[in-house]
Structure formats: C-alpha cells, structure tokens
C-alpha cells in the first residue's frame, strides 16, 4: 500500500518560480524511477521530467533549461523546481513513481492526486 501526495502548487506570475514536492509513503521497499506529469484544461497528460534511482534525469523540450527535477532518497520525495514560468505551464501537476512495496511485494506504478499550478498576471 503506497500513496503519493503532491504539494507546492499555487498562483505565480509569468517569469516567477515555484517548487513542487511529492512524498511517497506506505509499505515501501524501494523507489525506482520518479516523474512529474502535467495536464492542462482540455489537454492530454504529458510527461514533464523523470529521475531514475541512479539520479539520471530527462526533461520535456518545453521545460528543458527552466525546470529541474531532484529527489531525496531518505525522505522518499521528488521535487520539481520550476523557473521562468510561462502561462503555458498552467496545469495540474501529477507525481508518478515506480515503487517496490511489501503489500504486494511487486513493482507497481503509482500516481498522486495532483496539485494545480496557475501562471497568470
């Protein structure tokens, strides 16, 4: 039984910055790849960034150079530092993780409920 919970969303002006957090909890053995997705109103859910257990990162072209993904292994937490925000970044941001747990003792994929980021003047 694993849960992911995002935090840090809110309203920010264009050009501003915001830091999102996602904490995993439950019967966790190991967390492998963690990722951030986002979904704008009326749009599909898109991959924003990923980070492997070894710390390797990938980014969508739309956020490359502006966003930074990182993780805290001890806290089972992944972060997304968002800089130079644009109105096009407005979306619900979702945390995603591949987790090996004890109940069940299998590698499974989990989603958080999402946190809203609004970039507007």
N, C-alpha and C. Protein backbone atom coordinates (compact mmCIF):
# COMPACT_ATOMS: atom_id res chain seq x y z
N UNK A 1 0.83 -1.18 0.00
CA UNK A 1 0.00 0.00 0.00
C UNK A 1 0.88 1.25 0.00
N UNK A 2 0.85 1.99 -1.10
CA UNK A 2 1.69 3.17 -1.28
C UNK A 2 0.84 4.35 -1.70
N UNK A 3 1.17 5.51 -1.18
CA UNK A 3 0.49 6.75 -1.56
C UNK A 3 1.51 7.81 -1.94
N UNK A 4 1.16 8.61 -2.95
CA UNK A 4 1.96 9.76 -3.35
C UNK A 4 1.11 11.00 -3.14
N UNK A 5 1.70 12.04 -2.55
CA UNK A 5 0.99 13.28 -2.30
C UNK A 5 1.84 14.46 -2.74
N UNK A 6 1.29 15.26 -3.67
CA UNK A 6 1.99 16.44 -4.15
C UNK A 6 1.67 17.65 -3.28
N UNK A 7 2.57 18.62 -3.29
CA UNK A 7 2.36 19.89 -2.60
C UNK A 7 3.17 20.98 -3.27
N UNK A 8 2.82 22.24 -3.01
CA UNK A 8 3.59 23.35 -3.52
C UNK A 8 2.96 24.11 -4.66
N UNK A 9 1.83 23.64 -5.16
CA UNK A 9 1.17 24.34 -6.25
C UNK A 9 0.56 25.65 -5.79
N UNK A 10 0.20 26.49 -6.76
CA UNK A 10 -0.40 27.77 -6.43
C UNK A 10 -0.37 28.72 -7.61
N UNK A 11 -0.62 29.99 -7.33
CA UNK A 11 -0.64 31.04 -8.34
C UNK A 11 0.70 31.77 -8.36
N UNK A 12 1.25 31.94 -9.55
CA UNK A 12 2.52 32.65 -9.72
C UNK A 12 2.47 33.47 -11.00
N UNK A 13 3.17 34.61 -11.00
CA UNK A 13 3.21 35.47 -12.18
C UNK A 13 4.17 34.93 -13.23
N UNK A 14 3.95 35.25 -14.50
CA UNK A 14 4.90 34.84 -15.54
C UNK A 14 6.31 35.31 -15.19
N UNK A 15 7.27 34.42 -15.40
CA UNK A 15 8.65 34.71 -15.05
C UNK A 15 9.02 34.32 -13.64
N UNK A 16 8.03 33.95 -12.86
CA UNK A 16 8.26 33.57 -11.48
C UNK A 16 8.70 32.13 -11.33
N UNK A 17 8.86 31.71 -10.08
CA UNK A 17 9.34 30.37 -9.76
C UNK A 17 8.43 29.70 -8.75
N UNK A 18 8.45 28.37 -8.78
CA UNK A 18 7.65 27.58 -7.86
C UNK A 18 8.36 26.24 -7.67
N UNK A 19 8.26 25.69 -6.47
CA UNK A 19 8.87 24.40 -6.16
C UNK A 19 7.79 23.42 -5.72
N UNK A 20 7.67 22.33 -6.46
CA UNK A 20 6.72 21.28 -6.13
C UNK A 20 7.42 20.14 -5.41
N UNK A 21 6.69 19.49 -4.51
CA UNK A 21 7.21 18.34 -3.80
C UNK A 21 6.22 17.19 -3.92
N UNK A 22 6.73 15.97 -3.87
CA UNK A 22 5.90 14.78 -3.87
C UNK A 22 6.51 13.77 -2.92
N UNK A 23 5.78 13.44 -1.88
CA UNK A 23 6.26 12.50 -0.88
C UNK A 23 5.53 11.16 -1.00
N UNK A 24 6.30 10.09 -1.03
CA UNK A 24 5.74 8.74 -1.07
C UNK A 24 5.72 8.16 0.34
N UNK A 25 4.65 7.45 0.66
CA UNK A 25 4.54 6.83 1.97
C UNK A 25 3.87 5.47 1.84
N UNK A 26 4.03 4.64 2.87
CA UNK A 26 3.44 3.32 2.87
C UNK A 26 4.48 2.23 3.04
N UNK A 27 4.12 1.02 2.63
CA UNK A 27 4.99 -0.14 2.78
C UNK A 27 6.02 -0.20 1.65
N UNK A 28 6.94 0.75 1.65
CA UNK A 28 7.91 0.92 0.57
C UNK A 28 9.19 0.12 0.84
N UNK A 29 9.60 -0.63 -0.17
CA UNK A 29 10.89 -1.31 -0.12
C UNK A 29 11.92 -0.48 -0.88
N UNK A 30 11.60 -0.13 -2.12
CA UNK A 30 12.47 0.70 -2.95
C UNK A 30 11.64 1.51 -3.93
N UNK A 31 12.11 2.71 -4.24
CA UNK A 31 11.50 3.53 -5.27
C UNK A 31 12.48 3.63 -6.43
N UNK A 32 12.01 3.32 -7.61
CA UNK A 32 12.85 3.37 -8.79
C UNK A 32 12.64 4.72 -9.49
N UNK A 33 12.20 4.73 -10.72
CA UNK A 33 12.02 5.99 -11.42
C UNK A 33 10.86 6.79 -10.84
N UNK A 34 11.08 8.10 -10.65
CA UNK A 34 10.04 9.03 -10.25
C UNK A 34 9.89 10.06 -11.37
N UNK A 35 8.70 10.61 -11.50
CA UNK A 35 8.44 11.51 -12.62
C UNK A 35 7.37 12.53 -12.28
N UNK A 36 7.36 13.60 -13.05
CA UNK A 36 6.32 14.61 -12.99
C UNK A 36 5.61 14.66 -14.34
N UNK A 37 4.30 14.67 -14.30
CA UNK A 37 3.46 14.87 -15.47
C UNK A 37 2.61 16.11 -15.24
N UNK A 38 2.02 16.63 -16.31
CA UNK A 38 1.09 17.74 -16.15
C UNK A 38 -0.03 17.63 -17.17
N UNK A 39 -1.17 18.18 -16.80
CA UNK A 39 -2.34 18.15 -17.67
C UNK A 39 -3.05 19.49 -17.61
N UNK A 40 -3.05 20.21 -18.72
CA UNK A 40 -3.74 21.48 -18.83
C UNK A 40 -5.21 21.23 -19.11
N UNK A 41 -6.08 22.20 -18.82
CA UNK A 41 -7.52 22.02 -19.08
C UNK A 41 -7.79 21.66 -20.53
N UNK A 42 -8.53 20.59 -20.73
CA UNK A 42 -8.88 20.15 -22.07
C UNK A 42 -7.77 19.48 -22.85
N UNK A 43 -6.62 19.27 -22.22
CA UNK A 43 -5.47 18.67 -22.90
C UNK A 43 -5.13 17.31 -22.31
N UNK A 44 -4.28 16.56 -23.02
CA UNK A 44 -3.84 15.27 -22.53
C UNK A 44 -2.77 15.44 -21.47
N UNK A 45 -2.52 14.39 -20.71
CA UNK A 45 -1.49 14.41 -19.69
C UNK A 45 -0.13 14.16 -20.35
N UNK A 46 0.83 15.05 -20.11
CA UNK A 46 2.15 14.98 -20.73
C UNK A 46 3.25 14.78 -19.70
N UNK A 47 4.28 14.07 -20.11
CA UNK A 47 5.45 13.87 -19.26
C UNK A 47 6.27 15.14 -19.21
N UNK A 48 6.66 15.56 -18.01
CA UNK A 48 7.45 16.77 -17.81
C UNK A 48 8.91 16.44 -17.55
N UNK A 49 9.17 15.55 -16.61
CA UNK A 49 10.54 15.21 -16.24
C UNK A 49 10.57 13.87 -15.52
N UNK A 50 11.70 13.19 -15.59
CA UNK A 50 11.89 11.93 -14.89
C UNK A 50 13.24 11.92 -14.20
N UNK A 51 13.35 11.11 -13.16
CA UNK A 51 14.62 10.90 -12.49
C UNK A 51 14.69 9.44 -12.04
N UNK A 52 15.77 8.75 -12.42
CA UNK A 52 15.93 7.35 -12.06
C UNK A 52 16.47 7.21 -10.65
N UNK A 53 16.52 5.97 -10.18
CA UNK A 53 17.08 5.72 -8.84
C UNK A 53 18.55 6.10 -8.79
N UNK A 54 19.22 6.04 -9.94
CA UNK A 54 20.62 6.44 -10.01
C UNK A 54 20.83 7.93 -10.20
N UNK A 55 19.74 8.70 -10.35
CA UNK A 55 19.85 10.14 -10.46
C UNK A 55 19.89 10.68 -11.87
N UNK A 56 19.73 9.82 -12.87
CA UNK A 56 19.71 10.30 -14.25
C UNK A 56 18.38 10.98 -14.53
N UNK A 57 18.42 12.13 -15.20
CA UNK A 57 17.21 12.92 -15.45
C UNK A 57 16.92 13.09 -16.93
N UNK A 58 15.65 13.28 -17.24
CA UNK A 58 15.20 13.64 -18.57
C UNK A 58 14.14 14.73 -18.44
N UNK A 59 14.00 15.54 -19.50
CA UNK A 59 13.05 16.64 -19.50
C UNK A 59 12.34 16.74 -20.83
N UNK A 60 11.10 17.19 -20.78
CA UNK A 60 10.39 17.53 -22.00
C UNK A 60 11.04 18.77 -22.60
N UNK A 61 11.03 18.87 -23.92
CA UNK A 61 11.64 20.01 -24.59
C UNK A 61 11.02 21.34 -24.14
N UNK A 62 9.76 21.32 -23.79
CA UNK A 62 9.05 22.53 -23.41
C UNK A 62 9.52 23.12 -22.08
N UNK A 63 10.18 22.31 -21.25
CA UNK A 63 10.62 22.78 -19.94
C UNK A 63 12.12 22.72 -19.76
N UNK A 64 12.83 22.13 -20.70
CA UNK A 64 14.27 21.97 -20.60
C UNK A 64 14.96 23.33 -20.42
N UNK A 65 15.83 23.41 -19.43
CA UNK A 65 16.53 24.65 -19.13
C UNK A 65 15.81 25.52 -18.13
N UNK A 66 14.54 25.24 -17.86
CA UNK A 66 13.75 26.03 -16.91
C UNK A 66 13.38 25.24 -15.66
N UNK A 67 13.14 23.93 -15.82
CA UNK A 67 12.72 23.08 -14.70
C UNK A 67 13.87 22.16 -14.30
N UNK A 68 13.92 21.81 -13.02
CA UNK A 68 14.90 20.87 -12.51
C UNK A 68 14.23 19.86 -11.60
N UNK A 69 14.41 18.57 -11.89
CA UNK A 69 13.87 17.52 -11.06
C UNK A 69 14.99 16.97 -10.16
N UNK A 70 14.65 16.67 -8.92
CA UNK A 70 15.61 16.12 -7.98
C UNK A 70 14.87 15.21 -7.00
N UNK A 71 15.62 14.47 -6.18
CA UNK A 71 14.97 13.59 -5.21
C UNK A 71 15.78 13.49 -3.94
N UNK A 72 15.08 13.18 -2.85
CA UNK A 72 15.67 12.94 -1.55
C UNK A 72 15.37 11.49 -1.21
N UNK A 73 16.37 10.64 -1.27
CA UNK A 73 16.17 9.21 -1.07
C UNK A 73 15.70 8.89 0.35
N UNK A 74 16.24 9.58 1.33
CA UNK A 74 15.89 9.32 2.72
C UNK A 74 14.44 9.68 3.01
N UNK A 75 13.92 10.69 2.32
CA UNK A 75 12.56 11.15 2.56
C UNK A 75 11.55 10.59 1.56
N UNK A 76 12.02 9.76 0.62
CA UNK A 76 11.14 9.22 -0.43
C UNK A 76 10.37 10.34 -1.12
N UNK A 77 11.08 11.39 -1.46
CA UNK A 77 10.46 12.59 -2.01
C UNK A 77 11.14 13.02 -3.30
N UNK A 78 10.33 13.46 -4.25
CA UNK A 78 10.83 14.02 -5.50
C UNK A 78 10.38 15.47 -5.59
N UNK A 79 11.23 16.32 -6.17
CA UNK A 79 10.95 17.74 -6.27
C UNK A 79 10.96 18.17 -7.73
N UNK A 80 10.27 19.26 -8.01
CA UNK A 80 10.33 19.90 -9.32
C UNK A 80 10.47 21.40 -9.10
N UNK A 81 11.66 21.92 -9.38
CA UNK A 81 11.92 23.35 -9.29
C UNK A 81 11.58 23.96 -10.64
N UNK A 82 10.63 24.88 -10.66
CA UNK A 82 10.15 25.49 -11.89
C UNK A 82 10.53 26.96 -11.90
N UNK A 83 11.31 27.36 -12.89
CA UNK A 83 11.74 28.74 -13.04
C UNK A 83 11.27 29.30 -14.37
N UNK A 84 11.30 30.63 -14.49
CA UNK A 84 10.89 31.32 -15.72
C UNK A 84 9.55 30.80 -16.21
N UNK A 85 8.60 30.73 -15.32
CA UNK A 85 7.30 30.14 -15.64
C UNK A 85 6.54 30.96 -16.67
N UNK A 86 5.82 30.25 -17.53
CA UNK A 86 5.03 30.84 -18.60
C UNK A 86 3.56 30.47 -18.40
N UNK A 87 2.64 31.27 -18.96
CA UNK A 87 1.23 30.89 -18.87
C UNK A 87 0.95 29.49 -19.41
N UNK A 88 1.73 29.06 -20.39
CA UNK A 88 1.56 27.73 -20.97
C UNK A 88 1.90 26.62 -19.99
N UNK A 89 2.56 26.95 -18.88
CA UNK A 89 2.88 25.96 -17.86
C UNK A 89 1.70 25.69 -16.93
N UNK A 90 0.65 26.46 -17.05
CA UNK A 90 -0.53 26.27 -16.21
C UNK A 90 -1.12 24.88 -16.43
N UNK A 91 -1.25 24.13 -15.35
CA UNK A 91 -1.74 22.76 -15.45
C UNK A 91 -1.84 22.16 -14.05
N UNK A 92 -2.48 21.01 -13.98
CA UNK A 92 -2.40 20.19 -12.78
C UNK A 92 -1.16 19.32 -12.93
N UNK A 93 -0.29 19.37 -11.95
CA UNK A 93 0.95 18.61 -11.99
C UNK A 93 0.80 17.35 -11.13
N UNK A 94 1.14 16.21 -11.74
CA UNK A 94 0.98 14.92 -11.09
C UNK A 94 2.33 14.25 -10.85
N UNK A 95 2.47 13.66 -9.69
CA UNK A 95 3.64 12.87 -9.36
C UNK A 95 3.41 11.42 -9.75
N UNK A 96 4.45 10.75 -10.23
CA UNK A 96 4.36 9.36 -10.63
C UNK A 96 5.62 8.64 -10.18
N UNK A 97 5.48 7.39 -9.73
CA UNK A 97 6.65 6.65 -9.27
C UNK A 97 6.48 5.15 -9.45
N UNK A 98 7.57 4.48 -9.77
CA UNK A 98 7.64 3.02 -9.79
C UNK A 98 8.16 2.59 -8.43
N UNK A 99 7.34 1.83 -7.69
CA UNK A 99 7.66 1.50 -6.30
C UNK A 99 7.57 0.00 -6.06
N UNK A 100 8.59 -0.54 -5.40
CA UNK A 100 8.52 -1.91 -4.90
C UNK A 100 8.06 -1.84 -3.46
N UNK A 101 6.94 -2.49 -3.15
CA UNK A 101 6.37 -2.46 -1.81
C UNK A 101 6.26 -3.86 -1.23
N UNK A 102 5.83 -3.93 0.03
CA UNK A 102 5.64 -5.22 0.68
C UNK A 102 4.22 -5.75 0.50
N UNK A 103 3.26 -4.87 0.27
CA UNK A 103 1.88 -5.25 0.07
C UNK A 103 1.31 -4.59 -1.18
N UNK A 104 1.44 -5.22 -2.33
CA UNK A 104 2.08 -6.51 -2.59
C UNK A 104 3.59 -6.37 -2.76
N UNK A 105 4.31 -7.47 -2.74
CA UNK A 105 5.75 -7.43 -2.95
C UNK A 105 6.03 -7.48 -4.45
N UNK A 106 5.65 -6.42 -5.12
CA UNK A 106 5.81 -6.30 -6.56
C UNK A 106 6.14 -4.86 -6.92
N UNK A 107 6.73 -4.68 -8.09
CA UNK A 107 6.99 -3.34 -8.59
C UNK A 107 5.70 -2.82 -9.23
N UNK A 108 5.21 -1.70 -8.74
CA UNK A 108 3.97 -1.12 -9.23
C UNK A 108 4.13 0.37 -9.50
N UNK A 109 3.28 0.89 -10.37
CA UNK A 109 3.29 2.30 -10.71
C UNK A 109 2.17 3.02 -9.97
N UNK A 110 2.50 4.17 -9.38
CA UNK A 110 1.53 4.93 -8.59
C UNK A 110 1.44 6.37 -9.06
N UNK A 111 0.27 6.97 -8.86
CA UNK A 111 0.02 8.38 -9.18
C UNK A 111 -0.43 9.14 -7.94
N UNK A 112 -0.02 10.40 -7.85
CA UNK A 112 -0.56 11.29 -6.84
C UNK A 112 -1.84 11.92 -7.35
N UNK A 113 -2.59 12.60 -6.49
CA UNK A 113 -3.85 13.23 -6.90
C UNK A 113 -3.67 14.52 -7.69
N UNK A 114 -2.47 15.10 -7.69
CA UNK A 114 -2.19 16.29 -8.46
C UNK A 114 -2.23 17.56 -7.63
N UNK A 115 -1.51 18.58 -8.09
CA UNK A 115 -1.53 19.90 -7.49
C UNK A 115 -1.58 20.94 -8.61
N UNK A 116 -2.42 21.95 -8.44
CA UNK A 116 -2.66 22.93 -9.50
C UNK A 116 -1.62 24.04 -9.48
N UNK A 117 -1.04 24.30 -10.65
CA UNK A 117 -0.12 25.42 -10.85
C UNK A 117 -0.76 26.37 -11.86
N UNK A 118 -0.94 27.62 -11.46
CA UNK A 118 -1.53 28.63 -12.34
C UNK A 118 -0.53 29.76 -12.55
N UNK A 119 -0.16 30.01 -13.80
CA UNK A 119 0.78 31.07 -14.15
C UNK A 119 -0.01 32.16 -14.86
N UNK A 120 -0.19 33.28 -14.19
CA UNK A 120 -1.02 34.35 -14.73
C UNK A 120 -0.67 35.68 -14.11
N UNK A 121 -0.88 36.77 -14.88
CA UNK A 121 -0.69 38.11 -14.36
C UNK A 121 -1.93 38.63 -13.66
